[in-house]
Amino acid sequence: MNKNNTIEREADDMKLSARNQLKGKVVEIESGAVNAIVTIDIGGGNFISATISMASVNDLKLEVGSDAYAIIKATSVMVGVDS
């Protein structure tokens, strides 16, 4: 990542506007018929899971141990506390 927290890639690759880009390692892929739940270890005991299509898993050549980014782009964030 560069000083603007964006991922630097080859000139032919896509750039993203999302600022929340967390690099990690794929630790689990729960494959279903259409979708998969991909879990990425982003360090410090923190994990992020995302449901993506099986087509995307295959296109990205994801497998356990692969480097990957969790890229978060949201229009709202909810905050909660323990009761």
PDB file of N, CA and C in Angstrom:
ATOM      1  N   MET A   1       0.842  -1.190   0.000  1.00  0.00           N
ATOM      2  CA  MET A   1       0.000   0.000   0.000  1.00  0.00           C
ATOM      3  C   MET A   1       0.880   1.243   0.000  1.00  0.00           C
ATOM      4  N   ASN A   2       0.364   2.285  -0.573  1.00  0.00           N
ATOM      5  CA  ASN A   2       1.116   3.534  -0.593  1.00  0.00           C
ATOM      6  C   ASN A   2       0.662   4.441   0.557  1.00  0.00           C
ATOM      7  N   LYS A   3       1.150   5.673   0.580  1.00  0.00           N
ATOM      8  CA  LYS A   3       0.843   6.582   1.689  1.00  0.00           C
ATOM      9  C   LYS A   3      -0.635   6.957   1.767  1.00  0.00           C
ATOM     10  N   ASN A   4      -1.390   6.750   0.680  1.00  0.00           N
ATOM     11  CA  ASN A   4      -2.826   7.043   0.677  1.00  0.00           C
ATOM     12  C   ASN A   4      -3.670   5.831   1.038  1.00  0.00           C
ATOM     13  N   ASN A   5      -3.014   4.768   1.524  1.00  0.00           N
ATOM     14  CA  ASN A   5      -3.685   3.527   1.891  1.00  0.00           C
ATOM     15  C   ASN A   5      -4.414   2.886   0.727  1.00  0.00           C
ATOM     16  N   THR A   6      -3.880   3.061  -0.485  1.00  0.00           N
ATOM     17  CA  THR A   6      -4.447   2.371  -1.638  1.00  0.00           C
ATOM     18  C   THR A   6      -3.438   1.338  -2.099  1.00  0.00           C
ATOM     19  N   ILE A   7      -3.951   0.301  -2.702  1.00  0.00           N
ATOM     20  CA  ILE A   7      -3.101  -0.784  -3.152  1.00  0.00           C
ATOM     21  C   ILE A   7      -2.449  -0.389  -4.471  1.00  0.00           C
ATOM     22  N   GLU A   8      -1.130  -0.524  -4.532  1.00  0.00           N
ATOM     23  CA  GLU A   8      -0.420  -0.211  -5.766  1.00  0.00           C
ATOM     24  C   GLU A   8      -0.311  -1.490  -6.584  1.00  0.00           C
ATOM     25  N   ARG A   9      -0.688  -1.399  -7.846  1.00  0.00           N
ATOM     26  CA  ARG A   9      -0.675  -2.557  -8.729  1.00  0.00           C
ATOM     27  C   ARG A   9      -0.064  -2.161 -10.069  1.00  0.00           C
ATOM     28  N   GLU A  10       0.077  -3.161 -10.934  1.00  0.00           N
ATOM     29  CA  GLU A  10       0.569  -2.910 -12.285  1.00  0.00           C
ATOM     30  C   GLU A  10      -0.367  -1.940 -13.006  1.00  0.00           C
ATOM     31  N   ALA A  11       0.125  -1.274 -14.021  1.00  0.00           N
ATOM     32  CA  ALA A  11      -0.650  -0.268 -14.747  1.00  0.00           C
ATOM     33  C   ALA A  11      -1.931  -0.831 -15.352  1.00  0.00           C
ATOM     34  N   ASP A  12      -1.941  -2.089 -15.732  1.00  0.00           N
ATOM     35  CA  ASP A  12      -3.117  -2.687 -16.356  1.00  0.00           C
ATOM     36  C   ASP A  12      -4.173  -3.112 -15.346  1.00  0.00           C
ATOM     37  N   ASP A  13      -3.858  -3.096 -14.078  1.00  0.00           N
ATOM     38  CA  ASP A  13      -4.792  -3.560 -13.051  1.00  0.00           C
ATOM     39  C   ASP A  13      -5.729  -2.453 -12.607  1.00  0.00           C
ATOM     40  N   MET A  14      -6.780  -2.843 -11.926  1.00  0.00           N
ATOM     41  CA  MET A  14      -7.801  -1.908 -11.476  1.00  0.00           C
ATOM     42  C   MET A  14      -7.363  -1.177 -10.206  1.00  0.00           C
ATOM     43  N   LYS A  15      -7.754   0.086 -10.086  1.00  0.00           N
ATOM     44  CA  LYS A  15      -7.577   0.846  -8.857  1.00  0.00           C
ATOM     45  C   LYS A  15      -8.934   0.933  -8.183  1.00  0.00           C
ATOM     46  N   LEU A  16      -8.944   1.024  -6.862  1.00  0.00           N
ATOM     47  CA  LEU A  16     -10.187   1.057  -6.099  1.00  0.00           C
ATOM     48  C   LEU A  16     -10.308   2.347  -5.309  1.00  0.00           C
ATOM     49  N   SER A  17     -11.536   2.815  -5.146  1.00  0.00           N
ATOM     50  CA  SER A  17     -11.771   4.006  -4.340  1.00  0.00           C
ATOM     51  C   SER A  17     -11.934   3.660  -2.867  1.00  0.00           C
ATOM     52  N   ALA A  18     -12.180   2.412  -2.553  1.00  0.00           N
ATOM     53  CA  ALA A  18     -12.377   2.004  -1.161  1.00  0.00           C
ATOM     54  C   ALA A  18     -11.092   2.209  -0.366  1.00  0.00           C
ATOM     55  N   ARG A  19     -11.196   2.836   0.766  1.00  0.00           N
ATOM     56  CA  ARG A  19     -10.022   3.107   1.597  1.00  0.00           C
ATOM     57  C   ARG A  19      -9.761   2.006   2.619  1.00  0.00           C
ATOM     58  N   ASN A  20     -10.761   1.205   2.927  1.00  0.00           N
ATOM     59  CA  ASN A  20     -10.609   0.139   3.911  1.00  0.00           C
ATOM     60  C   ASN A  20     -10.185  -1.134   3.203  1.00  0.00           C
ATOM     61  N   GLN A  21      -8.878  -1.279   3.007  1.00  0.00           N
ATOM     62  CA  GLN A  21      -8.299  -2.418   2.308  1.00  0.00           C
ATOM     63  C   GLN A  21      -7.352  -3.115   3.267  1.00  0.00           C
ATOM     64  N   LEU A  22      -7.744  -4.302   3.707  1.00  0.00           N
ATOM     65  CA  LEU A  22      -7.004  -5.009   4.739  1.00  0.00           C
ATOM     66  C   LEU A  22      -6.393  -6.274   4.157  1.00  0.00           C
ATOM     67  N   LYS A  23      -5.061  -6.352   4.131  1.00  0.00           N
ATOM     68  CA  LYS A  23      -4.376  -7.513   3.570  1.00  0.00           C
ATOM     69  C   LYS A  23      -4.297  -8.616   4.605  1.00  0.00           C
ATOM     70  N   GLY A  24      -4.458  -9.839   4.136  1.00  0.00           N
ATOM     71  CA  GLY A  24      -4.353 -10.974   5.023  1.00  0.00           C
ATOM     72  C   GLY A  24      -4.166 -12.259   4.247  1.00  0.00           C
ATOM     73  N   LYS A  25      -4.393 -13.371   4.941  1.00  0.00           N
ATOM     74  CA  LYS A  25      -4.275 -14.701   4.338  1.00  0.00           C
ATOM     75  C   LYS A  25      -5.606 -15.410   4.448  1.00  0.00           C
ATOM     76  N   VAL A  26      -5.987 -16.087   3.377  1.00  0.00           N
ATOM     77  CA  VAL A  26      -7.198 -16.899   3.396  1.00  0.00           C
ATOM     78  C   VAL A  26      -6.948 -18.085   4.316  1.00  0.00           C
ATOM     79  N   VAL A  27      -7.817 -18.245   5.322  1.00  0.00           N
ATOM     80  CA  VAL A  27      -7.663 -19.350   6.263  1.00  0.00           C
ATOM     81  C   VAL A  27      -8.766 -20.391   6.132  1.00  0.00           C
ATOM     82  N   GLU A  28      -9.870 -20.028   5.454  1.00  0.00           N
ATOM     83  CA  GLU A  28     -10.949 -20.983   5.278  1.00  0.00           C
ATOM     84  C   GLU A  28     -11.815 -20.570   4.092  1.00  0.00           C
ATOM     85  N   ILE A  29     -12.248 -21.577   3.348  1.00  0.00           N
ATOM     86  CA  ILE A  29     -13.217 -21.369   2.272  1.00  0.00           C
ATOM     87  C   ILE A  29     -14.289 -22.431   2.446  1.00  0.00           C
ATOM     88  N   GLU A  30     -15.496 -21.991   2.800  1.00  0.00           N
ATOM     89  CA  GLU A  30     -16.644 -22.889   2.926  1.00  0.00           C
ATOM     90  C   GLU A  30     -17.417 -22.819   1.622  1.00  0.00           C
ATOM     91  N   SER A  31     -17.205 -23.802   0.765  1.00  0.00           N
ATOM     92  CA  SER A  31     -17.805 -23.793  -0.567  1.00  0.00           C
ATOM     93  C   SER A  31     -19.223 -24.340  -0.546  1.00  0.00           C
ATOM     94  N   GLY A  32     -20.104 -23.651  -1.244  1.00  0.00           N
ATOM     95  CA  GLY A  32     -21.465 -24.109  -1.443  1.00  0.00           C
ATOM     96  C   GLY A  32     -21.713 -24.318  -2.922  1.00  0.00           C
ATOM     97  N   ALA A  33     -22.963 -24.554  -3.278  1.00  0.00           N
ATOM     98  CA  ALA A  33     -23.308 -24.782  -4.679  1.00  0.00           C
ATOM     99  C   ALA A  33     -23.118 -23.519  -5.518  1.00  0.00           C
ATOM    100  N   VAL A  34     -23.452 -22.361  -4.951  1.00  0.00           N
ATOM    101  CA  VAL A  34     -23.399 -21.101  -5.692  1.00  0.00           C
ATOM    102  C   VAL A  34     -22.407 -20.117  -5.074  1.00  0.00           C
ATOM    103  N   ASN A  35     -22.364 -20.049  -3.745  1.00  0.00           N
ATOM    104  CA  ASN A  35     -21.524 -19.093  -3.028  1.00  0.00           C
ATOM    105  C   ASN A  35     -20.536 -19.794  -2.118  1.00  0.00           C
ATOM    106  N   ALA A  36     -19.555 -19.026  -1.665  1.00  0.00           N
ATOM    107  CA  ALA A  36     -18.588 -19.514  -0.678  1.00  0.00           C
ATOM    108  C   ALA A  36     -18.431 -18.454   0.397  1.00  0.00           C
ATOM    109  N   ILE A  37     -18.152 -18.899   1.608  1.00  0.00           N
ATOM    110  CA  ILE A  37     -17.789 -17.981   2.682  1.00  0.00           C
ATOM    111  C   ILE A  37     -16.269 -18.058   2.807  1.00  0.00           C
ATOM    112  N   VAL A  38     -15.613 -16.940   2.538  1.00  0.00           N
ATOM    113  CA  VAL A  38     -14.155 -16.862   2.569  1.00  0.00           C
ATOM    114  C   VAL A  38     -13.752 -16.116   3.830  1.00  0.00           C
ATOM    115  N   THR A  39     -12.890 -16.718   4.625  1.00  0.00           N
ATOM    116  CA  THR A  39     -12.410 -16.092   5.857  1.00  0.00           C
ATOM    117  C   THR A  39     -10.944 -15.727   5.686  1.00  0.00           C
ATOM    118  N   ILE A  40     -10.643 -14.449   5.990  1.00  0.00           N
ATOM    119  CA  ILE A  40      -9.289 -13.915   5.854  1.00  0.00           C
ATOM    120  C   ILE A  40      -8.779 -13.512   7.230  1.00  0.00           C
ATOM    121  N   ASP A  41      -7.585 -13.981   7.566  1.00  0.00           N
ATOM    122  CA  ASP A  41      -6.898 -13.585   8.798  1.00  0.00           C
ATOM    123  C   ASP A  41      -6.162 -12.290   8.497  1.00  0.00           C
ATOM    124  N   ILE A  42      -6.586 -11.190   9.139  1.00  0.00           N
ATOM    125  CA  ILE A  42      -5.958  -9.891   8.880  1.00  0.00           C
ATOM    126  C   ILE A  42      -4.957  -9.514   9.978  1.00  0.00           C
ATOM    127  N   GLY A  43      -4.634 -10.464  10.840  1.00  0.00           N
ATOM    128  CA  GLY A  43      -3.627 -10.252  11.871  1.00  0.00           C
ATOM    129  C   GLY A  43      -4.208  -9.795  13.192  1.00  0.00           C
ATOM    130  N   GLY A  44      -3.413  -9.909  14.230  1.00  0.00           N
ATOM    131  CA  GLY A  44      -3.811  -9.468  15.560  1.00  0.00           C
ATOM    132  C   GLY A  44      -4.995 -10.252  16.116  1.00  0.00           C
ATOM    133  N   GLY A  45      -5.189 -11.481  15.631  1.00  0.00           N
ATOM    134  CA  GLY A  45      -6.319 -12.284  16.074  1.00  0.00           C
ATOM    135  C   GLY A  45      -7.643 -11.876  15.454  1.00  0.00           C
ATOM    136  N   ASN A  46      -7.594 -11.071  14.394  1.00  0.00           N
ATOM    137  CA  ASN A  46      -8.806 -10.579  13.728  1.00  0.00           C
ATOM    138  C   ASN A  46      -9.026 -11.296  12.400  1.00  0.00           C
ATOM    139  N   PHE A  47     -10.290 -11.634  12.155  1.00  0.00           N
ATOM    140  CA  PHE A  47     -10.681 -12.332  10.935  1.00  0.00           C
ATOM    141  C   PHE A  47     -11.856 -11.602  10.304  1.00  0.00           C
ATOM    142  N   ILE A  48     -11.906 -11.607   8.985  1.00  0.00           N
ATOM    143  CA  ILE A  48     -13.039 -11.044   8.256  1.00  0.00           C
ATOM    144  C   ILE A  48     -13.549 -12.130   7.321  1.00  0.00           C
ATOM    145  N   SER A  49     -14.867 -12.315   7.321  1.00  0.00           N
ATOM    146  CA  SER A  49     -15.490 -13.282   6.422  1.00  0.00           C
ATOM    147  C   SER A  49     -16.369 -12.551   5.425  1.00  0.00           C
ATOM    148  N   ALA A  50     -16.393 -13.067   4.209  1.00  0.00           N
ATOM    149  CA  ALA A  50     -17.231 -12.497   3.156  1.00  0.00           C
ATOM    150  C   ALA A  50     -17.864 -13.625   2.364  1.00  0.00           C
ATOM    151  N   THR A  51     -19.100 -13.421   1.969  1.00  0.00           N
ATOM    152  CA  THR A  51     -19.776 -14.355   1.086  1.00  0.00           C
ATOM    153  C   THR A  51     -19.601 -13.854  -0.343  1.00  0.00           C
ATOM    154  N   ILE A  52     -18.960 -14.670  -1.169  1.00  0.00           N
ATOM    155  CA  ILE A  52     -18.742 -14.318  -2.565  1.00  0.00           C
ATOM    156  C   ILE A  52     -19.167 -15.499  -3.434  1.00  0.00           C
ATOM    157  N   SER A  53     -19.336 -15.257  -4.713  1.00  0.00           N
ATOM    158  CA  SER A  53     -19.763 -16.326  -5.615  1.00  0.00           C
ATOM    159  C   SER A  53     -18.629 -17.343  -5.815  1.00  0.00           C
ATOM    160  N   MET A  54     -19.022 -18.569  -6.138  1.00  0.00           N
ATOM    161  CA  MET A  54     -18.026 -19.586  -6.462  1.00  0.00           C
ATOM    162  C   MET A  54     -17.254 -19.180  -7.714  1.00  0.00           C
ATOM    163  N   ALA A  55     -17.924 -18.474  -8.628  1.00  0.00           N
ATOM    164  CA  ALA A  55     -17.236 -17.983  -9.823  1.00  0.00           C
ATOM    165  C   ALA A  55     -16.096 -17.045  -9.429  1.00  0.00           C
ATOM    166  N   SER A  56     -16.326 -16.185  -8.433  1.00  0.00           N
ATOM    167  CA  SER A  56     -15.275 -15.270  -7.979  1.00  0.00           C
ATOM    168  C   SER A  56     -14.139 -16.027  -7.294  1.00  0.00           C
ATOM    169  N   VAL A  57     -14.480 -17.035  -6.500  1.00  0.00           N
ATOM    170  CA  VAL A  57     -13.440 -17.863  -5.859  1.00  0.00           C
ATOM    171  C   VAL A  57     -12.534 -18.446  -6.932  1.00  0.00           C
ATOM    172  N   ASN A  58     -13.146 -18.966  -7.994  1.00  0.00           N
ATOM    173  CA  ASN A  58     -12.372 -19.570  -9.083  1.00  0.00           C
ATOM    174  C   ASN A  58     -11.607 -18.533  -9.883  1.00  0.00           C
ATOM    175  N   ASP A  59     -12.245 -17.401 -10.218  1.00  0.00           N
ATOM    176  CA  ASP A  59     -11.579 -16.347 -10.997  1.00  0.00           C
ATOM    177  C   ASP A  59     -10.367 -15.786 -10.264  1.00  0.00           C
ATOM    178  N   LEU A  60     -10.502 -15.628  -8.942  1.00  0.00           N
ATOM    179  CA  LEU A  60      -9.405 -15.088  -8.127  1.00  0.00           C
ATOM    180  C   LEU A  60      -8.380 -16.152  -7.742  1.00  0.00           C
ATOM    181  N   LYS A  61      -8.691 -17.411  -8.089  1.00  0.00           N
ATOM    182  CA  LYS A  61      -7.817 -18.545  -7.751  1.00  0.00           C
ATOM    183  C   LYS A  61      -7.554 -18.608  -6.248  1.00  0.00           C
ATOM    184  N   LEU A  62      -8.614 -18.353  -5.463  1.00  0.00           N
ATOM    185  CA  LEU A  62      -8.469 -18.364  -4.013  1.00  0.00           C
ATOM    186  C   LEU A  62      -8.328 -19.787  -3.496  1.00  0.00           C
ATOM    187  N   GLU A  63      -7.439 -19.952  -2.538  1.00  0.00           N
ATOM    188  CA  GLU A  63      -7.302 -21.204  -1.811  1.00  0.00           C
ATOM    189  C   GLU A  63      -6.732 -20.881  -0.444  1.00  0.00           C
ATOM    190  N   VAL A  64      -6.899 -21.796   0.486  1.00  0.00           N
ATOM    191  CA  VAL A  64      -6.364 -21.579   1.829  1.00  0.00           C
ATOM    192  C   VAL A  64      -4.862 -21.328   1.712  1.00  0.00           C
ATOM    193  N   GLY A  65      -4.388 -20.260   2.358  1.00  0.00           N
ATOM    194  CA  GLY A  65      -2.982 -19.875   2.298  1.00  0.00           C
ATOM    195  C   GLY A  65      -2.702 -18.757   1.312  1.00  0.00           C
ATOM    196  N   SER A  66      -3.665 -18.444   0.423  1.00  0.00           N
ATOM    197  CA  SER A  66      -3.483 -17.355  -0.536  1.00  0.00           C
ATOM    198  C   SER A  66      -3.473 -16.007   0.168  1.00  0.00           C
ATOM    199  N   ASP A  67      -2.649 -15.078  -0.323  1.00  0.00           N
ATOM    200  CA  ASP A  67      -2.748 -13.691   0.108  1.00  0.00           C
ATOM    201  C   ASP A  67      -3.997 -13.103  -0.533  1.00  0.00           C
ATOM    202  N   ALA A  68      -4.721 -12.283   0.222  1.00  0.00           N
ATOM    203  CA  ALA A  68      -5.932 -11.659  -0.302  1.00  0.00           C
ATOM    204  C   ALA A  68      -6.199 -10.380   0.479  1.00  0.00           C
ATOM    205  N   TYR A  69      -7.061  -9.541  -0.074  1.00  0.00           N
ATOM    206  CA  TYR A  69      -7.463  -8.309   0.585  1.00  0.00           C
ATOM    207  C   TYR A  69      -8.939  -8.367   0.917  1.00  0.00           C
ATOM    208  N   ALA A  70      -9.297  -7.923   2.112  1.00  0.00           N
ATOM    209  CA  ALA A  70     -10.693  -7.645   2.453  1.00  0.00           C
ATOM    210  C   ALA A  70     -10.882  -6.166   2.137  1.00  0.00           C
ATOM    211  N   ILE A  71     -11.740  -5.882   1.190  1.00  0.00           N
ATOM    212  CA  ILE A  71     -11.965  -4.503   0.747  1.00  0.00           C
ATOM    213  C   ILE A  71     -13.376  -4.127   1.147  1.00  0.00           C
ATOM    214  N   ILE A  72     -13.486  -3.127   2.013  1.00  0.00           N
ATOM    215  CA  ILE A  72     -14.771  -2.772   2.614  1.00  0.00           C
ATOM    216  C   ILE A  72     -15.202  -1.412   2.105  1.00  0.00           C
ATOM    217  N   LYS A  73     -16.360  -1.381   1.483  1.00  0.00           N
ATOM    218  CA  LYS A  73     -16.946  -0.126   1.003  1.00  0.00           C
ATOM    219  C   LYS A  73     -18.391  -0.126   1.481  1.00  0.00           C
ATOM    220  N   ALA A  74     -18.710   0.725   2.409  1.00  0.00           N
ATOM    221  CA  ALA A  74     -20.052   0.742   2.985  1.00  0.00           C
ATOM    222  C   ALA A  74     -20.580   2.166   3.046  1.00  0.00           C
ATOM    223  N   THR A  75     -21.884   2.285   2.902  1.00  0.00           N
ATOM    224  CA  THR A  75     -22.493   3.602   3.001  1.00  0.00           C
ATOM    225  C   THR A  75     -22.900   3.929   4.426  1.00  0.00           C
ATOM    226  N   SER A  76     -22.926   2.929   5.289  1.00  0.00           N
ATOM    227  CA  SER A  76     -23.250   3.177   6.691  1.00  0.00           C
ATOM    228  C   SER A  76     -22.577   2.140   7.568  1.00  0.00           C
ATOM    229  N   VAL A  77     -22.347   2.505   8.805  1.00  0.00           N
ATOM    230  CA  VAL A  77     -21.755   1.619   9.791  1.00  0.00           C
ATOM    231  C   VAL A  77     -22.637   1.653  11.024  1.00  0.00           C
ATOM    232  N   MET A  78     -23.007   0.492  11.532  1.00  0.00           N
ATOM    233  CA  MET A  78     -23.812   0.416  12.754  1.00  0.00           C
ATOM    234  C   MET A  78     -22.895   0.243  13.956  1.00  0.00           C
ATOM    235  N   VAL A  79     -23.259   0.803  15.071  1.00  0.00           N
ATOM    236  CA  VAL A  79     -22.479   0.687  16.304  1.00  0.00           C
ATOM    237  C   VAL A  79     -23.363   0.049  17.360  1.00  0.00           C
ATOM    238  N   GLY A  80     -22.813  -0.900  18.095  1.00  0.00           N
ATOM    239  CA  GLY A  80     -23.565  -1.550  19.162  1.00  0.00           C
ATOM    240  C   GLY A  80     -22.709  -1.683  20.412  1.00  0.00           C
ATOM    241  N   VAL A  81     -23.366  -1.895  21.529  1.00  0.00           N
ATOM    242  CA  VAL A  81     -22.686  -2.100  22.811  1.00  0.00           C
ATOM    243  C   VAL A  81     -23.314  -3.295  23.514  1.00  0.00           C
ATOM    244  N   ASP A  82     -22.567  -3.891  24.415  1.00  0.00           N
ATOM    245  CA  ASP A  82     -23.120  -4.966  25.245  1.00  0.00           C
ATOM    246  C   ASP A  82     -24.142  -4.380  26.202  1.00  0.00           C
ATOM    247  N   SER A  83     -25.200  -5.128  26.483  1.00  0.00           N
ATOM    248  CA  SER A  83     -26.224  -4.607  27.416  1.00  0.00           C
ATOM    249  C   SER A  83     -25.914  -4.983  28.838  1.00  0.00           C
TER     250      SER A  83
END
